[in-house]
Amino acid sequence: MSRIIGLTLAILLAVIFLYISRFWIFDLWGREGLLGIEYLRPGGDILRRELRGTPLAPYDLLVWVAGGFFLLTMLEKLWGKVNNADH
């Protein structure tokens, strides 16, 4: 059961990373945004929109990779603590 939960969380996290990045190619909802939230437009690419006008704007892909690596590292440490607490 723990493995199924872990795989489900990994898939959910991958979809979130994909939506935040510039590689989201799906228009699954209307221009009003997901669940009516205008910030969550159908085109994704949230990170590039947030970095627009800052000195980091040309490095949006590098920021995305570094942030993703950091987040995955922290989640792995948290998952290890949760699994060790069960035993």
N, C-alpha and C. Protein backbone atom coordinates (compact mmCIF):
# COMPACT_ATOMS: atom_id res chain seq x y z
N MET A 1 0.83 -1.20 0.00
CA MET A 1 0.00 0.00 0.00
C MET A 1 0.87 1.26 0.00
N SER A 2 1.95 1.22 0.74
CA SER A 2 2.85 2.37 0.81
C SER A 2 3.46 2.67 -0.56
N ARG A 3 3.75 1.63 -1.31
CA ARG A 3 4.34 1.81 -2.65
C ARG A 3 3.34 2.47 -3.59
N ILE A 4 2.07 2.10 -3.50
CA ILE A 4 1.05 2.69 -4.36
C ILE A 4 0.88 4.18 -4.03
N ILE A 5 0.87 4.51 -2.77
CA ILE A 5 0.76 5.91 -2.36
C ILE A 5 1.97 6.70 -2.85
N GLY A 6 3.15 6.12 -2.72
CA GLY A 6 4.36 6.79 -3.18
C GLY A 6 4.36 7.02 -4.68
N LEU A 7 3.93 6.02 -5.45
CA LEU A 7 3.86 6.17 -6.91
C LEU A 7 2.82 7.21 -7.31
N THR A 8 1.69 7.21 -6.63
CA THR A 8 0.66 8.20 -6.92
C THR A 8 1.16 9.61 -6.65
N LEU A 9 1.84 9.80 -5.53
CA LEU A 9 2.39 11.12 -5.21
C LEU A 9 3.47 11.53 -6.21
N ALA A 10 4.28 10.58 -6.66
CA ALA A 10 5.32 10.89 -7.65
C ALA A 10 4.71 11.32 -8.98
N ILE A 11 3.65 10.64 -9.40
CA ILE A 11 2.98 11.00 -10.66
C ILE A 11 2.34 12.37 -10.53
N LEU A 12 1.69 12.64 -9.41
CA LEU A 12 1.07 13.94 -9.18
C LEU A 12 2.12 15.05 -9.19
N LEU A 13 3.23 14.82 -8.55
CA LEU A 13 4.31 15.80 -8.52
C LEU A 13 4.88 16.03 -9.92
N ALA A 14 5.00 14.98 -10.71
CA ALA A 14 5.51 15.12 -12.08
C ALA A 14 4.56 15.97 -12.92
N VAL A 15 3.27 15.78 -12.77
CA VAL A 15 2.29 16.57 -13.52
C VAL A 15 2.36 18.04 -13.09
N ILE A 16 2.53 18.28 -11.80
CA ILE A 16 2.65 19.66 -11.31
C ILE A 16 3.91 20.31 -11.86
N PHE A 17 5.04 19.59 -11.83
CA PHE A 17 6.28 20.13 -12.40
C PHE A 17 6.12 20.44 -13.88
N LEU A 18 5.46 19.56 -14.59
CA LEU A 18 5.25 19.76 -16.02
C LEU A 18 4.39 21.00 -16.26
N TYR A 19 3.37 21.21 -15.47
CA TYR A 19 2.50 22.39 -15.63
C TYR A 19 3.26 23.68 -15.33
N ILE A 20 4.09 23.66 -14.33
CA ILE A 20 4.84 24.87 -13.97
C ILE A 20 5.87 25.22 -15.04
N SER A 21 6.39 24.21 -15.72
CA SER A 21 7.44 24.44 -16.70
C SER A 21 6.88 24.94 -18.03
N ARG A 22 7.76 25.18 -18.96
CA ARG A 22 7.35 25.62 -20.29
C ARG A 22 6.94 24.46 -21.18
N PHE A 23 7.00 23.24 -20.69
CA PHE A 23 6.76 22.07 -21.52
C PHE A 23 5.32 21.57 -21.49
N TRP A 24 4.42 22.28 -20.83
CA TRP A 24 3.02 21.90 -20.77
C TRP A 24 2.38 22.19 -22.13
N ILE A 25 1.83 21.16 -22.78
CA ILE A 25 1.30 21.33 -24.13
C ILE A 25 -0.21 21.15 -24.19
N PHE A 26 -0.84 20.86 -23.07
CA PHE A 26 -2.26 20.56 -23.06
C PHE A 26 -3.09 21.78 -22.67
N ASP A 27 -4.18 22.00 -23.38
CA ASP A 27 -5.16 23.02 -23.01
C ASP A 27 -6.41 22.29 -22.54
N LEU A 28 -6.42 21.89 -21.29
CA LEU A 28 -7.49 21.05 -20.76
C LEU A 28 -8.65 21.84 -20.18
N TRP A 29 -8.47 23.15 -19.98
CA TRP A 29 -9.53 23.97 -19.44
C TRP A 29 -9.53 25.31 -20.15
N GLY A 30 -10.54 26.11 -19.91
CA GLY A 30 -10.74 27.37 -20.62
C GLY A 30 -9.81 28.48 -20.16
N ARG A 31 -9.91 29.63 -20.84
CA ARG A 31 -9.06 30.78 -20.55
C ARG A 31 -9.30 31.36 -19.16
N GLU A 32 -10.45 31.07 -18.55
CA GLU A 32 -10.73 31.60 -17.20
C GLU A 32 -9.87 30.93 -16.14
N GLY A 33 -9.17 29.86 -16.49
CA GLY A 33 -8.27 29.20 -15.56
C GLY A 33 -8.90 27.96 -14.93
N LEU A 34 -8.06 27.14 -14.35
CA LEU A 34 -8.51 25.92 -13.70
C LEU A 34 -9.34 26.26 -12.47
N LEU A 35 -10.53 25.72 -12.40
CA LEU A 35 -11.48 25.94 -11.30
C LEU A 35 -11.78 27.43 -11.10
N GLY A 36 -11.68 28.21 -12.19
CA GLY A 36 -11.98 29.63 -12.12
C GLY A 36 -10.85 30.48 -11.57
N ILE A 37 -9.69 29.90 -11.33
CA ILE A 37 -8.53 30.63 -10.82
C ILE A 37 -7.73 31.13 -12.03
N GLU A 38 -7.76 32.42 -12.26
CA GLU A 38 -7.13 33.00 -13.45
C GLU A 38 -5.62 32.74 -13.49
N TYR A 39 -5.00 32.62 -12.35
CA TYR A 39 -3.55 32.39 -12.27
C TYR A 39 -3.17 31.06 -12.93
N LEU A 40 -4.07 30.07 -12.89
CA LEU A 40 -3.81 28.74 -13.45
C LEU A 40 -4.36 28.66 -14.87
N ARG A 41 -3.75 29.40 -15.77
CA ARG A 41 -4.17 29.43 -17.16
C ARG A 41 -3.89 28.09 -17.83
N PRO A 42 -4.55 27.82 -18.96
CA PRO A 42 -4.39 26.52 -19.60
C PRO A 42 -3.01 26.28 -20.19
N GLY A 43 -2.24 27.31 -20.44
CA GLY A 43 -0.95 27.14 -21.10
C GLY A 43 0.19 26.76 -20.18
N GLY A 44 0.00 26.75 -18.89
CA GLY A 44 1.08 26.45 -17.97
C GLY A 44 2.12 27.56 -17.94
N ASP A 45 3.39 27.20 -17.82
CA ASP A 45 4.52 28.13 -17.87
C ASP A 45 4.44 29.20 -16.79
N ILE A 46 4.07 28.79 -15.59
CA ILE A 46 3.93 29.74 -14.48
C ILE A 46 5.27 30.34 -14.09
N LEU A 47 6.32 29.54 -14.10
CA LEU A 47 7.63 30.04 -13.67
C LEU A 47 8.11 31.18 -14.56
N ARG A 48 7.96 31.04 -15.86
CA ARG A 48 8.41 32.10 -16.77
C ARG A 48 7.62 33.39 -16.54
N ARG A 49 6.31 33.27 -16.29
CA ARG A 49 5.50 34.46 -16.01
C ARG A 49 5.95 35.13 -14.72
N GLU A 50 6.30 34.34 -13.71
CA GLU A 50 6.72 34.91 -12.43
C GLU A 50 8.09 35.57 -12.52
N LEU A 51 8.96 35.02 -13.36
CA LEU A 51 10.31 35.56 -13.46
C LEU A 51 10.43 36.71 -14.46
N ARG A 52 9.38 36.99 -15.22
CA ARG A 52 9.41 38.06 -16.21
C ARG A 52 9.69 39.39 -15.51
N GLY A 53 10.69 40.10 -16.05
CA GLY A 53 11.05 41.40 -15.50
C GLY A 53 12.09 41.33 -14.40
N THR A 54 12.56 40.14 -14.06
CA THR A 54 13.59 39.99 -13.04
C THR A 54 14.92 39.62 -13.71
N PRO A 55 16.03 39.73 -13.00
CA PRO A 55 17.31 39.34 -13.60
C PRO A 55 17.41 37.83 -13.89
N LEU A 56 16.55 37.03 -13.28
CA LEU A 56 16.59 35.59 -13.50
C LEU A 56 15.76 35.14 -14.70
N ALA A 57 15.09 36.05 -15.37
CA ALA A 57 14.21 35.69 -16.49
C ALA A 57 14.90 34.88 -17.59
N PRO A 58 16.15 35.20 -17.97
CA PRO A 58 16.78 34.39 -19.02
C PRO A 58 17.13 32.97 -18.55
N TYR A 59 17.12 32.77 -17.26
CA TYR A 59 17.54 31.48 -16.70
C TYR A 59 16.36 30.70 -16.12
N ASP A 60 15.18 30.88 -16.70
CA ASP A 60 14.00 30.24 -16.12
C ASP A 60 14.09 28.72 -16.13
N LEU A 61 14.69 28.13 -17.15
CA LEU A 61 14.82 26.68 -17.20
C LEU A 61 15.80 26.19 -16.13
N LEU A 62 16.88 26.92 -15.93
CA LEU A 62 17.85 26.55 -14.91
C LEU A 62 17.24 26.68 -13.51
N VAL A 63 16.46 27.72 -13.29
CA VAL A 63 15.77 27.89 -12.00
C VAL A 63 14.78 26.75 -11.79
N TRP A 64 14.07 26.36 -12.84
CA TRP A 64 13.11 25.26 -12.75
C TRP A 64 13.81 23.95 -12.39
N VAL A 65 14.93 23.66 -13.04
CA VAL A 65 15.66 22.42 -12.76
C VAL A 65 16.21 22.43 -11.33
N ALA A 66 16.83 23.53 -10.92
CA ALA A 66 17.40 23.61 -9.57
C ALA A 66 16.30 23.51 -8.51
N GLY A 67 15.20 24.20 -8.72
CA GLY A 67 14.09 24.14 -7.77
C GLY A 67 13.48 22.75 -7.71
N GLY A 68 13.33 22.11 -8.87
CA GLY A 68 12.81 20.74 -8.90
C GLY A 68 13.72 19.76 -8.19
N PHE A 69 15.02 19.89 -8.41
CA PHE A 69 15.99 19.02 -7.75
C PHE A 69 15.93 19.20 -6.23
N PHE A 70 15.87 20.46 -5.79
CA PHE A 70 15.79 20.74 -4.36
C PHE A 70 14.51 20.17 -3.75
N LEU A 71 13.39 20.38 -4.43
CA LEU A 71 12.11 19.89 -3.92
C LEU A 71 12.08 18.37 -3.86
N LEU A 72 12.58 17.71 -4.90
CA LEU A 72 12.61 16.25 -4.90
C LEU A 72 13.53 15.71 -3.81
N THR A 73 14.64 16.39 -3.57
CA THR A 73 15.55 15.96 -2.50
C THR A 73 14.86 16.06 -1.13
N MET A 74 14.18 17.17 -0.90
CA MET A 74 13.48 17.34 0.38
C MET A 74 12.34 16.33 0.53
N LEU A 75 11.62 16.06 -0.55
CA LEU A 75 10.54 15.07 -0.48
C LEU A 75 11.08 13.67 -0.24
N GLU A 76 12.23 13.35 -0.80
CA GLU A 76 12.84 12.04 -0.57
C GLU A 76 13.24 11.89 0.90
N LYS A 77 13.81 12.93 1.48
CA LYS A 77 14.17 12.88 2.89
C LYS A 77 12.92 12.73 3.77
N LEU A 78 11.87 13.47 3.44
CA LEU A 78 10.63 13.36 4.19
C LEU A 78 10.02 11.97 4.05
N TRP A 79 10.02 11.43 2.83
CA TRP A 79 9.48 10.09 2.60
C TRP A 79 10.29 9.03 3.37
N GLY A 80 11.60 9.20 3.44
CA GLY A 80 12.44 8.28 4.20
C GLY A 80 12.11 8.32 5.68
N LYS A 81 11.87 9.51 6.22
CA LYS A 81 11.49 9.62 7.63
C LYS A 81 10.13 9.01 7.90
N VAL A 82 9.18 9.20 6.99
CA VAL A 82 7.85 8.63 7.15
C VAL A 82 7.90 7.12 7.09
N ASN A 83 8.66 6.56 6.15
CA ASN A 83 8.78 5.11 6.05
C ASN A 83 9.50 4.50 7.23
N ASN A 84 10.51 5.16 7.76
CA ASN A 84 11.24 4.63 8.92
C ASN A 84 10.40 4.72 10.19
N ALA A 85 9.50 5.66 10.25
CA ALA A 85 8.64 5.80 11.43
C ALA A 85 7.65 4.65 11.51
N ASP A 86 7.29 4.07 10.34
CA ASP A 86 6.34 2.97 10.32
C ASP A 86 6.95 1.67 10.83
N HIS A 87 8.26 1.51 10.71
CA HIS A 87 8.90 0.24 11.07
C HIS A 87 9.33 0.23 12.49
